[in-house]
PDB file of N, CA and C in Angstrom:
ATOM      1  N   MET A   1     126.412  52.473 142.633  1.00  0.00           N
ATOM      2  CA  MET A   1     126.494  50.581 142.594  1.00  0.00           C
ATOM      3  C   MET A   1     126.641  49.563 142.567  1.00  0.00           C
ATOM      4  N   THR A   2     127.477  49.174 142.012  1.00  0.00           N
ATOM      5  CA  THR A   2     127.194  48.196 140.741  1.00  0.00           C
ATOM      6  C   THR A   2     126.566  46.953 141.074  1.00  0.00           C
ATOM      7  N   ARG A   3     125.704  45.661 140.581  1.00  0.00           N
ATOM      8  CA  ARG A   3     124.906  44.880 140.867  1.00  0.00           C
ATOM      9  C   ARG A   3     126.025  44.149 141.762  1.00  0.00           C
ATOM     10  N   GLY A   4     127.098  43.491 141.388  1.00  0.00           N
ATOM     11  CA  GLY A   4     127.367  42.905 142.541  1.00  0.00           C
ATOM     12  C   GLY A   4     127.866  43.213 143.559  1.00  0.00           C
ATOM     13  N   ARG A   5     127.957  44.852 143.946  1.00  0.00           N
ATOM     14  CA  ARG A   5     127.846  44.791 145.369  1.00  0.00           C
ATOM     15  C   ARG A   5     127.238  45.141 145.901  1.00  0.00           C
ATOM     16  N   ARG A   6     125.775  44.780 145.078  1.00  0.00           N
ATOM     17  CA  ARG A   6     124.241  45.042 145.759  1.00  0.00           C
ATOM     18  C   ARG A   6     124.128  43.229 146.547  1.00  0.00           C
ATOM     19  N   ALA A   7     124.998  42.762 145.919  1.00  0.00           N
ATOM     20  CA  ALA A   7     124.397  41.142 146.067  1.00  0.00           C
ATOM     21  C   ALA A   7     125.174  40.706 146.734  1.00  0.00           C
ATOM     22  N   THR A   8     126.050  41.862 147.201  1.00  0.00           N
ATOM     23  CA  THR A   8     127.214  41.297 148.993  1.00  0.00           C
ATOM     24  C   THR A   8     126.729  41.696 150.155  1.00  0.00           C
ATOM     25  N   ALA A   9     125.275  42.483 149.626  1.00  0.00           N
ATOM     26  CA  ALA A   9     124.920  43.948 151.322  1.00  0.00           C
ATOM     27  C   ALA A   9     124.722  43.202 151.962  1.00  0.00           C
ATOM     28  N   PRO A  10     123.882  41.842 151.662  1.00  0.00           N
ATOM     29  CA  PRO A  10     123.345  41.096 152.954  1.00  0.00           C
ATOM     30  C   PRO A  10     124.419  40.391 153.478  1.00  0.00           C
ATOM     31  N   LEU A  11     125.634  39.739 153.235  1.00  0.00           N
ATOM     32  CA  LEU A  11     126.924  39.576 153.070  1.00  0.00           C
ATOM     33  C   LEU A  11     127.367  39.965 154.766  1.00  0.00           C
ATOM     34  N   GLU A  12     127.417  41.322 154.047  1.00  0.00           N
ATOM     35  CA  GLU A  12     128.648  42.624 154.377  1.00  0.00           C
ATOM     36  C   GLU A  12     127.707  42.725 156.201  1.00  0.00           C
ATOM     37  N   SER A  13     125.882  42.578 155.595  1.00  0.00           N
ATOM     38  CA  SER A  13     125.679  43.003 157.192  1.00  0.00           C
ATOM     39  C   SER A  13     125.693  42.081 158.230  1.00  0.00           C
ATOM     40  N   PHE A  14     125.360  40.707 157.365  1.00  0.00           N
ATOM     41  CA  PHE A  14     125.531  39.580 159.057  1.00  0.00           C
ATOM     42  C   PHE A  14     127.396  39.584 159.006  1.00  0.00           C
ATOM     43  N   VAL A  15     127.998  39.382 158.592  1.00  0.00           N
ATOM     44  CA  VAL A  15     129.456  39.049 158.843  1.00  0.00           C
ATOM     45  C   VAL A  15     129.542  41.006 160.033  1.00  0.00           C
ATOM     46  N   ALA A  16     129.277  41.646 159.294  1.00  0.00           N
ATOM     47  CA  ALA A  16     129.372  42.817 160.316  1.00  0.00           C
ATOM     48  C   ALA A  16     128.461  42.618 162.022  1.00  0.00           C
ATOM     49  N   THR A  17     127.326  41.935 161.946  1.00  0.00           N
ATOM     50  CA  THR A  17     126.353  41.790 162.674  1.00  0.00           C
ATOM     51  C   THR A  17     127.388  40.621 163.542  1.00  0.00           C
ATOM     52  N   LEU A  18     128.252  39.497 163.215  1.00  0.00           N
ATOM     53  CA  LEU A  18     129.080  38.616 163.768  1.00  0.00           C
ATOM     54  C   LEU A  18     129.885  38.991 164.371  1.00  0.00           C
ATOM     55  N   LYS A  19     130.774  40.314 163.826  1.00  0.00           N
ATOM     56  CA  LYS A  19     131.591  40.349 163.914  1.00  0.00           C
ATOM     57  C   LYS A  19     131.229  41.119 165.278  1.00  0.00           C
ATOM     58  N   LYS A  20     129.891  42.303 165.605  1.00  0.00           N
ATOM     59  CA  LYS A  20     129.334  43.157 166.605  1.00  0.00           C
ATOM     60  C   LYS A  20     129.039  42.130 167.625  1.00  0.00           C
ATOM     61  N   GLU A  21     127.999  41.101 167.765  1.00  0.00           N
ATOM     62  CA  GLU A  21     127.790  40.269 168.501  1.00  0.00           C
ATOM     63  C   GLU A  21     128.491  39.759 169.606  1.00  0.00           C
ATOM     64  N   LEU A  22     129.576  38.812 168.677  1.00  0.00           N
ATOM     65  CA  LEU A  22     130.362  37.881 168.852  1.00  0.00           C
ATOM     66  C   LEU A  22     131.614  37.520 168.913  1.00  0.00           C
ATOM     67  N   VAL A  23     132.424  38.181 167.730  1.00  0.00           N
ATOM     68  CA  VAL A  23     133.826  37.871 167.922  1.00  0.00           C
ATOM     69  C   VAL A  23     134.312  38.344 168.430  1.00  0.00           C
ATOM     70  N   HIS A  24     133.923  40.164 168.750  1.00  0.00           N
ATOM     71  CA  HIS A  24     134.974  41.024 168.875  1.00  0.00           C
ATOM     72  C   HIS A  24     134.693  40.760 170.601  1.00  0.00           C
ATOM     73  N   TYR A  25     134.286  40.210 171.420  1.00  0.00           N
ATOM     74  CA  TYR A  25     133.934  39.926 173.051  1.00  0.00           C
ATOM     75  C   TYR A  25     134.589  38.394 172.757  1.00  0.00           C
ATOM     76  N   GLU A  26     135.208  37.617 171.795  1.00  0.00           N
ATOM     77  CA  GLU A  26     136.289  36.439 172.762  1.00  0.00           C
ATOM     78  C   GLU A  26     136.686  35.816 172.047  1.00  0.00           C
ATOM     79  N   GLN A  27     138.033  35.342 172.422  1.00  0.00           N
ATOM     80  CA  GLN A  27     139.141  35.119 171.989  1.00  0.00           C
ATOM     81  C   GLN A  27     139.329  33.168 172.185  1.00  0.00           C
ATOM     82  N   TYR A  28     139.963  33.154 171.025  1.00  0.00           N
ATOM     83  CA  TYR A  28     139.718  31.882 170.430  1.00  0.00           C
ATOM     84  C   TYR A  28     141.321  31.247 170.207  1.00  0.00           C
ATOM     85  N   ARG A  29     141.275  30.434 171.483  1.00  0.00           N
ATOM     86  CA  ARG A  29     142.641  29.669 171.510  1.00  0.00           C
ATOM     87  C   ARG A  29     142.832  29.010 170.116  1.00  0.00           C
ATOM     88  N   THR A  30     141.868  28.279 169.812  1.00  0.00           N
ATOM     89  CA  THR A  30     142.428  27.620 167.888  1.00  0.00           C
ATOM     90  C   THR A  30     140.980  27.502 166.736  1.00  0.00           C
ATOM     91  N   ARG A  31     141.474  27.114 165.675  1.00  0.00           N
ATOM     92  CA  ARG A  31     140.354  27.390 164.913  1.00  0.00           C
ATOM     93  C   ARG A  31     139.790  26.825 164.995  1.00  0.00           C
ATOM     94  N   THR A  32     139.511  25.715 165.700  1.00  0.00           N
ATOM     95  CA  THR A  32     138.296  24.694 165.825  1.00  0.00           C
ATOM     96  C   THR A  32     137.694  24.926 166.665  1.00  0.00           C
ATOM     97  N   GLU A  33     138.395  25.819 167.984  1.00  0.00           N
ATOM     98  CA  GLU A  33     137.459  26.578 168.950  1.00  0.00           C
ATOM     99  C   GLU A  33     136.141  27.535 168.172  1.00  0.00           C
ATOM    100  N   ALA A  34     137.186  28.623 167.448  1.00  0.00           N
ATOM    101  CA  ALA A  34     136.316  29.674 166.225  1.00  0.00           C
ATOM    102  C   ALA A  34     134.993  29.299 165.921  1.00  0.00           C
ATOM    103  N   ARG A  35     135.634  28.246 164.875  1.00  0.00           N
ATOM    104  CA  ARG A  35     134.844  27.887 164.136  1.00  0.00           C
ATOM    105  C   ARG A  35     133.388  27.155 164.991  1.00  0.00           C
ATOM    106  N   HIS A  36     133.457  26.202 166.138  1.00  0.00           N
ATOM    107  CA  HIS A  36     132.778  25.375 166.963  1.00  0.00           C
ATOM    108  C   HIS A  36     131.501  27.056 167.596  1.00  0.00           C
ATOM    109  N   SER A  37     132.137  28.173 168.055  1.00  0.00           N
ATOM    110  CA  SER A  37     131.499  29.214 168.079  1.00  0.00           C
ATOM    111  C   SER A  37     131.000  29.851 167.471  1.00  0.00           C
ATOM    112  N   LEU A  38     131.536  29.585 166.381  1.00  0.00           N
ATOM    113  CA  LEU A  38     130.848  30.431 164.878  1.00  0.00           C
ATOM    114  C   LEU A  38     129.191  29.966 164.995  1.00  0.00           C
ATOM    115  N   ILE A  39     129.424  28.724 164.691  1.00  0.00           N
ATOM    116  CA  ILE A  39     128.321  26.900 164.277  1.00  0.00           C
ATOM    117  C   ILE A  39     127.843  27.747 164.985  1.00  0.00           C
ATOM    118  N   GLU A  40     127.849  27.873 166.044  1.00  0.00           N
ATOM    119  CA  GLU A  40     126.515  27.881 167.469  1.00  0.00           C
ATOM    120  C   GLU A  40     125.851  29.004 167.126  1.00  0.00           C
ATOM    121  N   TYR A  41     126.276  29.936 167.217  1.00  0.00           N
ATOM    122  CA  TYR A  41     125.933  31.022 167.405  1.00  0.00           C
ATOM    123  C   TYR A  41     125.130  31.339 166.083  1.00  0.00           C
ATOM    124  N   ILE A  42     125.442  30.890 164.849  1.00  0.00           N
ATOM    125  CA  ILE A  42     124.432  30.748 163.690  1.00  0.00           C
ATOM    126  C   ILE A  42     123.547  30.080 163.998  1.00  0.00           C
ATOM    127  N   GLU A  43     123.684  28.682 164.325  1.00  0.00           N
ATOM    128  CA  GLU A  43     122.899  27.565 164.168  1.00  0.00           C
ATOM    129  C   GLU A  43     121.751  27.693 165.551  1.00  0.00           C
ATOM    130  N   VAL A  44     121.813  28.290 166.629  1.00  0.00           N
ATOM    131  CA  VAL A  44     121.366  28.227 167.717  1.00  0.00           C
ATOM    132  C   VAL A  44     120.463  29.828 167.813  1.00  0.00           C
ATOM    133  N   PHE A  45     121.713  31.001 167.756  1.00  0.00           N
ATOM    134  CA  PHE A  45     121.076  32.241 168.390  1.00  0.00           C
ATOM    135  C   PHE A  45     120.858  32.464 166.907  1.00  0.00           C
ATOM    136  N   TYR A  46     121.364  33.266 165.956  1.00  0.00           N
ATOM    137  CA  TYR A  46     120.725  34.246 165.069  1.00  0.00           C
ATOM    138  C   TYR A  46     120.493  33.534 164.649  1.00  0.00           C
ATOM    139  N   ASN A  47     119.779  32.129 163.651  1.00  0.00           N
ATOM    140  CA  ASN A  47     118.564  31.630 162.926  1.00  0.00           C
ATOM    141  C   ASN A  47     117.338  30.613 163.773  1.00  0.00           C
ATOM    142  N   ARG A  48     116.963  31.116 165.113  1.00  0.00           N
ATOM    143  CA  ARG A  48     116.295  30.379 166.559  1.00  0.00           C
ATOM    144  C   ARG A  48     115.776  31.889 166.947  1.00  0.00           C
ATOM    145  N   VAL A  49     116.551  32.192 167.573  1.00  0.00           N
ATOM    146  CA  VAL A  49     116.196  33.419 168.359  1.00  0.00           C
ATOM    147  C   VAL A  49     116.640  34.872 168.023  1.00  0.00           C
ATOM    148  N   ARG A  50     117.508  35.242 167.744  1.00  0.00           N
ATOM    149  CA  ARG A  50     117.406  37.013 166.774  1.00  0.00           C
ATOM    150  C   ARG A  50     116.650  36.910 166.481  1.00  0.00           C
ATOM    151  N   ARG A  51     116.506  39.163 166.461  1.00  0.00           N
ATOM    152  CA  ARG A  51     115.079  39.434 166.879  1.00  0.00           C
ATOM    153  C   ARG A  51     115.670  39.580 164.683  1.00  0.00           C
ATOM    154  N   HIS A  52     115.117  39.956 163.466  1.00  0.00           N
ATOM    155  CA  HIS A  52     115.332  40.047 162.282  1.00  0.00           C
ATOM    156  C   HIS A  52     114.277  40.880 161.740  1.00  0.00           C
ATOM    157  N   SER A  53     114.911  42.437 161.538  1.00  0.00           N
ATOM    158  CA  SER A  53     114.120  43.928 160.899  1.00  0.00           C
ATOM    159  C   SER A  53     113.600  43.259 159.857  1.00  0.00           C
ATOM    160  N   ALA A  54     113.285  42.468 159.117  1.00  0.00           N
ATOM    161  CA  ALA A  54     113.157  41.758 157.700  1.00  0.00           C
ATOM    162  C   ALA A  54     112.067  40.882 158.216  1.00  0.00           C
ATOM    163  N   LEU A  55     111.731  40.710 159.289  1.00  0.00           N
ATOM    164  CA  LEU A  55     110.135  39.626 159.765  1.00  0.00           C
ATOM    165  C   LEU A  55     109.516  40.054 160.771  1.00  0.00           C
ATOM    166  N   ASN A  56     109.461  41.970 161.214  1.00  0.00           N
ATOM    167  CA  ASN A  56     108.934  42.167 161.935  1.00  0.00           C
ATOM    168  C   ASN A  56     109.242  42.384 162.953  1.00  0.00           C
ATOM    169  N   ASP A  57     110.825  42.707 163.360  1.00  0.00           N
ATOM    170  CA  ASP A  57     111.614  42.258 164.645  1.00  0.00           C
ATOM    171  C   ASP A  57     111.403  41.076 165.302  1.00  0.00           C
ATOM    172  N   GLN A  58     111.013  40.160 164.391  1.00  0.00           N
ATOM    173  CA  GLN A  58     110.177  38.677 165.335  1.00  0.00           C
ATOM    174  C   GLN A  58     111.712  37.952 165.299  1.00  0.00           C
ATOM    175  N   PRO A  59     112.199  36.556 165.980  1.00  0.00           N
ATOM    176  CA  PRO A  59     112.929  35.650 166.005  1.00  0.00           C
ATOM    177  C   PRO A  59     112.409  35.188 164.859  1.00  0.00           C
ATOM    178  N   PRO A  60     113.050  34.125 164.202  1.00  0.00           N
ATOM    179  CA  PRO A  60     112.674  33.757 162.444  1.00  0.00           C
ATOM    180  C   PRO A  60     111.532  32.236 163.245  1.00  0.00           C
ATOM    181  N   THR A  61     111.544  31.702 164.554  1.00  0.00           N
ATOM    182  CA  THR A  61     110.919  30.474 164.734  1.00  0.00           C
ATOM    183  C   THR A  61     109.381  31.069 165.138  1.00  0.00           C
ATOM    184  N   HIS A  62     109.484  32.155 165.806  1.00  0.00           N
ATOM    185  CA  HIS A  62     107.752  33.125 166.170  1.00  0.00           C
ATOM    186  C   HIS A  62     107.891  33.628 164.366  1.00  0.00           C
ATOM    187  N   PHE A  63     108.383  33.828 163.389  1.00  0.00           N
ATOM    188  CA  PHE A  63     107.322  33.947 162.376  1.00  0.00           C
ATOM    189  C   PHE A  63     107.023  32.791 161.790  1.00  0.00           C
ATOM    190  N   ALA A  64     107.552  32.002 161.920  1.00  0.00           N
ATOM    191  CA  ALA A  64     107.463  30.940 161.145  1.00  0.00           C
ATOM    192  C   ALA A  64     105.840  30.280 161.954  1.00  0.00           C
ATOM    193  N   GLU A  65     106.237  30.479 162.897  1.00  0.00           N
ATOM    194  CA  GLU A  65     104.656  29.991 163.907  1.00  0.00           C
ATOM    195  C   GLU A  65     103.813  30.823 163.304  1.00  0.00           C
ATOM    196  N   ALA A  66     103.277  31.881 163.343  1.00  0.00           N
ATOM    197  CA  ALA A  66     102.853  32.519 163.275  1.00  0.00           C
ATOM    198  C   ALA A  66     102.585  33.010 161.446  1.00  0.00           C
ATOM    199  N   ALA A  67     102.905  32.182 160.431  1.00  0.00           N
ATOM    200  CA  ALA A  67     102.529  32.152 159.115  1.00  0.00           C
ATOM    201  C   ALA A  67     101.612  31.091 159.459  1.00  0.00           C
TER     202      ALA A  67
END
């Protein structure tokens, strides 16, 4: 595996999760609607609520509070 491919692995994992948890279940009528849905998912759910394996399966907010 080349260095460039390893650098993109976290992004590829995130995009796969995004598609699996959100995009495949939605039908967007406009790009604006899709953009708002993606921003809400990332800012509200993914960054604050979703459990992350790298954080001992805790949401980032709980992990930060425990630190």
